[in-house]
Amino acid sequence: MDELLGSAVAVEDGPWFARVFQHAFNLVVLGTTVILGFRPPWSVKWLVMPLMPMLLSFWLLVIGDSLRRWVKDRKITPARLLLVGIVITLVAGSLFTSFGVDPSGRYFLPLILPMAYGAAQWVYSLRRKVLGIAWAGLILVYHFGGILTCAAVNPPGITTQFYVPAQIDQRYLPDLAAFLEQVGETRGYSNYWVAYPLAFISKERLIFSPRLPYHPDLRYTTRDDRYPVYTSMVEVSDRTAYITTRNPALDEHLKQAFSRLGVSYQEVQIGDYHVYYRLSRPVHPREIGLGETRQ
């Protein structure tokens, strides 16, 4: 139940009404722009601006046509209840739960179902089929252009991250995996955004526990450790490596901790990944004040 109410992003303080007002702002200003495709979920940057007025006109026409149909028919069918239920659920969740603090708009992805249904119904109803094809073509051209625009700017490229410290340049992930296998460092510790992609790309040959923070202020929650089996595998290993990403404060913390413990190591930078390897003995986060929930 906690997960359904947004415990994963519950980082707000202050009165409940103030939080709801902020959620409403995020929904109207940030949510609608990403729902309509005017910006990518990870950035406040307009996409294909010359076509934006036409795209907005298209969706206004679709909404107007859908409302007209429903008022004229006056029928409450299971299909319509389902579509309206999707909209009400997502809007209510955005306003009244912690999900509303997320500005990316990713939680509104299910809205594509009622939007696609309404758009297809309106386009099909147009008497001049050429006009319908033109409107449908506009949607395809606009969104394809937006995808190309985003992919051309790398980093961050196409990512899931609105939070800049977590926008890792994933183009270097294969190089990182190859290096770790070459030097025999198959177990260790990293953050949430490295550990699981690394396990996936290596078919679980490289197991790193997400027990390191990725926030610059070293905040951490054990919720990041979603698969404890990986952590157990690392804890019994006779070798541990550490991988950080764009976090100078964490790098400094690790270096001081290794020095205090008398542990020697080597280090290398691979894109956004900073690797500490060939440690003279295994070191676990609990020895150096990491790996526990810390606000």
Protein backbone atom coordinates (compact mmCIF):
# COMPACT_ATOMS: atom_id res chain seq x y z
CA MET A 1 0.00 0.00 0.00
CA ASP A 2 2.85 2.41 0.81
CA GLU A 3 4.24 1.92 -2.70
CA LEU A 4 0.83 2.69 -4.24
CA LEU A 5 0.74 5.98 -2.33
CA GLY A 6 4.17 7.07 -3.57
CA SER A 7 6.47 6.18 -0.69
CA ALA A 8 9.34 5.90 -3.18
CA VAL A 9 9.20 9.66 -3.85
CA ALA A 10 7.88 10.85 -0.46
CA VAL A 11 10.43 13.62 0.11
CA GLU A 12 8.14 16.56 0.87
CA ASP A 13 7.62 18.55 4.05
CA GLY A 14 5.05 21.17 4.93
CA PRO A 15 1.26 21.38 5.23
CA TRP A 16 -0.90 18.99 3.22
CA PHE A 17 -2.69 21.80 1.37
CA ALA A 18 0.61 23.36 0.31
CA ARG A 19 1.74 20.00 -1.08
CA VAL A 20 -1.51 19.58 -3.01
CA PHE A 21 -1.10 23.07 -4.48
CA GLN A 22 2.44 22.23 -5.59
CA HIS A 23 1.20 18.97 -7.09
CA ALA A 24 -1.47 20.88 -9.01
CA PHE A 25 1.19 23.21 -10.39
CA ASN A 26 3.33 20.26 -11.44
CA LEU A 27 0.31 18.65 -13.11
CA VAL A 28 -0.81 21.71 -15.06
CA VAL A 29 2.56 23.20 -16.00
CA LEU A 30 4.89 20.22 -16.15
CA GLY A 31 2.51 17.30 -16.55
CA THR A 32 0.45 18.54 -19.50
CA THR A 33 3.51 19.60 -21.48
CA VAL A 34 5.03 16.13 -21.28
CA ILE A 35 1.69 14.38 -21.82
CA LEU A 36 1.24 16.27 -25.09
CA GLY A 37 4.84 15.63 -26.09
CA PHE A 38 5.94 19.27 -25.95
CA ARG A 39 8.99 18.36 -23.88
CA PRO A 40 10.89 15.17 -22.93
CA PRO A 41 10.19 13.76 -19.44
CA TRP A 42 13.76 14.44 -18.30
CA SER A 43 14.09 18.09 -19.30
CA VAL A 44 12.23 21.39 -19.56
CA LYS A 45 13.13 21.86 -23.22
CA TRP A 46 10.65 22.45 -26.03
CA LEU A 47 10.61 19.98 -28.91
CA VAL A 48 9.93 20.81 -32.58
CA MET A 49 8.50 24.23 -31.70
CA PRO A 50 7.28 25.16 -35.24
CA LEU A 51 4.75 22.31 -35.12
CA MET A 52 3.63 22.80 -31.52
CA PRO A 53 0.65 25.11 -32.31
CA MET A 54 -0.71 22.58 -34.79
CA LEU A 55 -0.23 19.74 -32.32
CA LEU A 56 -2.08 21.70 -29.62
CA SER A 57 -4.89 22.42 -32.08
CA PHE A 58 -5.13 18.72 -32.88
CA TRP A 59 -5.59 17.68 -29.26
CA LEU A 60 -8.08 20.47 -28.56
CA LEU A 61 -10.15 19.26 -31.52
CA VAL A 62 -9.91 15.66 -30.26
CA ILE A 63 -11.03 16.64 -26.75
CA GLY A 64 -13.89 18.74 -28.12
CA ASP A 65 -15.04 15.91 -30.38
CA SER A 66 -14.93 13.36 -27.55
CA LEU A 67 -16.97 15.58 -25.22
CA ARG A 68 -19.51 16.24 -27.99
CA ARG A 69 -19.93 12.54 -28.65
CA TRP A 70 -20.42 11.67 -25.00
CA VAL A 71 -22.95 14.47 -24.43
CA LYS A 72 -24.86 13.53 -27.58
CA ASP A 73 -24.94 9.78 -26.89
CA ARG A 74 -25.54 10.07 -23.15
CA LYS A 75 -24.40 6.49 -22.76
CA ILE A 76 -22.25 5.20 -19.93
CA THR A 77 -20.61 2.10 -21.31
CA PRO A 78 -17.96 -0.05 -19.59
CA ALA A 79 -15.40 1.10 -22.17
CA ARG A 80 -16.06 4.76 -21.41
CA LEU A 81 -15.96 4.12 -17.67
CA LEU A 82 -12.58 2.47 -18.11
CA LEU A 83 -11.17 5.41 -20.07
CA VAL A 84 -12.55 8.00 -17.64
CA GLY A 85 -11.31 5.89 -14.72
CA ILE A 86 -7.75 6.02 -16.06
CA VAL A 87 -7.86 9.82 -16.20
CA ILE A 88 -9.47 10.26 -12.77
CA THR A 89 -7.09 7.79 -11.12
CA LEU A 90 -3.97 9.44 -12.51
CA VAL A 91 -5.11 13.00 -11.74
CA ALA A 92 -6.15 12.05 -8.19
CA GLY A 93 -2.89 10.20 -7.65
CA SER A 94 -0.93 13.19 -8.85
CA LEU A 95 -2.79 15.65 -6.62
CA PHE A 96 -3.23 13.70 -3.40
CA THR A 97 -0.24 11.36 -3.16
CA SER A 98 3.52 11.84 -3.18
CA PHE A 99 3.65 10.91 -6.88
CA GLY A 100 2.71 14.54 -7.58
CA VAL A 101 6.17 15.72 -6.57
CA ASP A 102 7.73 14.01 -9.60
CA PRO A 103 8.02 16.60 -12.41
CA SER A 104 8.98 14.12 -15.13
CA GLY A 105 5.44 13.20 -16.12
CA ARG A 106 6.32 9.52 -16.49
CA TYR A 107 3.41 8.44 -14.32
CA PHE A 108 0.99 9.78 -16.93
CA LEU A 109 2.03 7.23 -19.53
CA PRO A 110 -1.30 5.29 -19.21
CA LEU A 111 -3.09 8.39 -20.55
CA ILE A 112 -1.87 7.38 -24.00
CA LEU A 113 -4.74 4.85 -24.07
CA PRO A 114 -7.69 7.29 -23.87
CA MET A 115 -5.75 9.84 -25.93
CA ALA A 116 -5.07 7.35 -28.73
CA TYR A 117 -8.68 6.16 -28.68
CA GLY A 118 -10.09 9.69 -28.90
CA ALA A 119 -7.62 10.71 -31.61
CA ALA A 120 -8.33 7.66 -33.74
CA GLN A 121 -12.08 8.15 -33.40
CA TRP A 122 -11.90 11.79 -34.47
CA VAL A 123 -9.52 11.19 -37.39
CA TYR A 124 -11.70 8.32 -38.65
CA SER A 125 -14.83 10.49 -38.46
CA LEU A 126 -13.49 13.19 -40.78
CA ARG A 127 -15.33 13.22 -44.07
CA ARG A 128 -12.25 14.09 -46.06
CA LYS A 129 -9.95 11.13 -45.54
CA VAL A 130 -6.99 13.05 -46.90
CA LEU A 131 -7.40 15.52 -44.04
CA GLY A 132 -7.46 12.66 -41.54
CA ILE A 133 -4.28 11.21 -43.02
CA ALA A 134 -2.66 14.63 -42.83
CA TRP A 135 -3.53 15.03 -39.14
CA ALA A 136 -2.28 11.52 -38.34
CA GLY A 137 0.89 12.23 -40.31
CA LEU A 138 1.41 15.42 -38.29
CA ILE A 139 1.41 13.45 -35.05
CA LEU A 140 3.92 10.93 -36.40
CA VAL A 141 6.23 13.60 -37.83
CA TYR A 142 6.12 15.67 -34.67
CA HIS A 143 6.96 12.85 -32.28
CA PHE A 144 9.54 11.27 -34.57
CA GLY A 145 11.21 14.67 -34.85
CA GLY A 146 11.18 15.00 -31.05
CA ILE A 147 12.82 11.59 -30.64
CA LEU A 148 15.56 12.45 -33.11
CA THR A 149 16.15 15.80 -31.41
CA CYS A 150 16.57 14.13 -28.02
CA ALA A 151 18.77 11.32 -29.32
CA ALA A 152 21.07 13.79 -31.06
CA VAL A 153 22.01 15.52 -27.78
CA ASN A 154 24.01 12.97 -25.80
CA PRO A 155 24.46 13.26 -22.88
CA PRO A 156 21.86 12.87 -21.58
CA GLY A 157 20.38 11.33 -24.75
CA ILE A 158 17.13 9.44 -24.19
CA THR A 159 16.96 8.78 -20.46
CA THR A 160 14.50 8.17 -17.64
CA GLN A 161 16.08 10.77 -15.38
CA PHE A 162 14.84 14.27 -14.63
CA TYR A 163 17.32 14.39 -11.72
CA VAL A 164 20.63 15.62 -13.18
CA PRO A 165 23.05 13.75 -10.84
CA ALA A 166 21.47 10.49 -11.99
CA GLN A 167 21.81 11.29 -15.71
CA ILE A 168 24.69 8.92 -16.45
CA ASP A 169 26.19 8.69 -19.92
CA GLN A 170 25.26 5.06 -20.61
CA ARG A 171 27.30 4.94 -23.81
CA TYR A 172 30.29 3.94 -21.66
CA LEU A 173 28.50 1.06 -19.90
CA PRO A 174 29.84 -1.61 -22.32
CA ASP A 175 33.37 -0.25 -21.85
CA LEU A 176 32.90 -0.42 -18.07
CA ALA A 177 31.69 -4.02 -18.25
CA ALA A 178 34.59 -5.03 -20.49
CA PHE A 179 37.13 -3.42 -18.15
CA LEU A 180 35.70 -5.09 -15.04
CA GLU A 181 35.78 -8.51 -16.65
CA GLN A 182 39.30 -7.91 -17.94
CA VAL A 183 40.68 -7.09 -14.47
CA GLY A 184 38.57 -9.76 -12.75
CA GLU A 185 36.46 -7.42 -10.65
CA THR A 186 33.09 -9.18 -10.85
CA ARG A 187 31.75 -8.19 -7.42
CA GLY A 188 31.46 -4.89 -5.61
CA TYR A 189 29.36 -1.87 -4.74
CA SER A 190 27.84 0.97 -6.73
CA ASN A 191 24.62 2.98 -6.86
CA TYR A 192 21.13 2.05 -8.01
CA TRP A 193 21.59 3.47 -11.54
CA VAL A 194 24.74 1.41 -12.19
CA ALA A 195 24.26 -1.91 -10.40
CA TYR A 196 21.25 -3.24 -12.26
CA PRO A 197 22.16 -2.08 -15.81
CA LEU A 198 25.59 -3.64 -15.24
CA ALA A 199 24.06 -6.97 -14.18
CA PHE A 200 21.76 -6.88 -17.21
CA ILE A 201 24.38 -6.06 -19.82
CA SER A 202 26.78 -8.71 -18.44
CA LYS A 203 24.09 -11.40 -18.06
CA GLU A 204 24.76 -11.35 -14.31
CA ARG A 205 28.47 -12.02 -14.57
CA LEU A 206 29.07 -8.64 -12.91
CA ILE A 207 27.20 -8.34 -9.63
CA PHE A 208 27.35 -5.00 -7.82
CA SER A 209 25.22 -4.18 -4.81
CA PRO A 210 23.47 -0.76 -4.93
CA ARG A 211 24.64 0.25 -1.47
CA LEU A 212 26.26 3.54 -2.46
CA PRO A 213 24.44 6.90 -2.63
CA TYR A 214 24.05 8.80 -5.88
CA HIS A 215 22.93 12.07 -4.30
CA PRO A 216 25.71 14.69 -3.99
CA ASP A 217 24.87 15.17 -0.29
CA LEU A 218 25.29 11.39 0.22
CA ARG A 219 21.64 10.78 1.11
CA TYR A 220 20.78 7.11 0.77
CA THR A 221 17.90 4.71 1.36
CA THR A 222 18.13 0.94 1.61
CA ARG A 223 15.11 0.83 -0.74
CA ASP A 224 17.68 1.10 -3.53
CA ASP A 225 18.77 -2.45 -2.71
CA ARG A 226 15.84 -4.07 -4.56
CA TYR A 227 17.38 -7.54 -4.92
CA PRO A 228 19.14 -8.61 -1.69
CA VAL A 229 20.47 -11.75 -3.36
CA TYR A 230 23.01 -9.59 -5.19
CA THR A 231 24.17 -8.02 -1.92
CA SER A 232 24.58 -11.46 -0.35
CA MET A 233 26.74 -12.56 -3.30
CA VAL A 234 28.96 -9.50 -2.92
CA GLU A 235 29.32 -9.86 0.85
CA VAL A 236 30.84 -13.36 0.57
CA SER A 237 33.22 -12.39 -2.25
CA ASP A 238 36.96 -12.26 -1.57
CA ARG A 239 37.25 -9.18 -3.82
CA THR A 240 35.22 -5.97 -3.94
CA ALA A 241 35.39 -3.03 -6.31
CA TYR A 242 33.61 0.31 -5.99
CA ILE A 243 31.98 2.30 -8.82
CA THR A 244 30.83 5.90 -8.39
CA THR A 245 29.24 8.29 -10.88
CA ARG A 246 29.59 12.08 -10.95
CA ASN A 247 29.82 12.35 -7.17
CA PRO A 248 32.98 14.13 -5.93
CA ALA A 249 31.78 14.07 -2.30
CA LEU A 250 31.45 10.29 -2.39
CA ASP A 251 34.82 9.91 -4.10
CA GLU A 252 36.45 11.94 -1.35
CA HIS A 253 34.66 9.90 1.31
CA LEU A 254 35.88 6.63 -0.21
CA LYS A 255 39.47 7.77 -0.54
CA GLN A 256 39.61 8.94 3.06
CA ALA A 257 37.98 5.72 4.26
CA PHE A 258 40.37 3.48 2.32
CA SER A 259 43.31 5.47 3.66
CA ARG A 260 42.03 5.21 7.22
CA LEU A 261 41.67 1.43 6.88
CA GLY A 262 45.11 1.10 5.29
CA VAL A 263 43.62 -0.35 2.10
CA SER A 264 45.52 0.19 -1.13
CA TYR A 265 43.69 0.40 -4.46
CA GLN A 266 43.86 1.46 -8.07
CA GLU A 267 41.41 3.74 -9.83
CA VAL A 268 40.33 4.53 -13.36
CA GLN A 269 37.80 6.86 -15.00
CA ILE A 270 35.60 5.40 -17.76
CA GLY A 271 33.20 8.06 -19.00
CA ASP A 272 31.01 9.01 -16.03
CA TYR A 273 32.11 5.90 -14.12
CA HIS A 274 34.89 6.13 -11.55
CA VAL A 275 36.18 2.66 -10.62
CA TYR A 276 38.16 1.74 -7.50
CA TYR A 277 39.60 -1.72 -8.04
CA ARG A 278 42.28 -4.16 -6.87
CA LEU A 279 41.64 -3.28 -3.25
CA SER A 280 44.17 -4.97 -0.98
CA ARG A 281 41.29 -6.54 0.94
CA PRO A 282 37.49 -6.61 0.62
CA VAL A 283 35.81 -3.50 2.04
CA HIS A 284 32.09 -3.35 2.74
CA PRO A 285 30.01 -0.16 3.04
CA ARG A 286 29.16 -0.71 6.72
CA GLU A 287 32.90 -0.40 7.52
CA ILE A 288 33.05 3.07 6.05
CA GLY A 289 29.75 4.59 7.18
CA LEU A 290 27.74 3.81 4.04
CA GLY A 291 24.97 1.45 3.03
CA GLU A 292 22.37 2.45 5.64
CA THR A 293 19.41 4.79 5.21
CA ARG A 294 20.69 8.31 5.68
CA GLN A 295 18.67 11.50 5.28
